[in-house]
Amino acid sequence: MFLYKIEIELEEQTAHLIILADTDEKAFSVVESHVARHFVKMPVVKSAAIVEKKRPENGAGYFVV
């Protein structure tokens, strides 16, 4: 398992998704479903990229501004 910070470029903004997944592929496979849950109207996802990848351990996390 890994803790991923994924940067998602939408048409009008940039968002960050922090997700726990077994592989890079599994992390990317849930990006659109999380975006759809957050917005009333589904925005166009231009790109998604892994910015950081860490092993989960006590105290692991990301600071998102």
Foldseek 3Di string as FASTA:
>chain_A
DKWWWKWWDFPPDIDIDTDDDDDPVVVVVCVQVVQPVVDVDRTDTPDMDTPDIGHDDVPDDDDDD
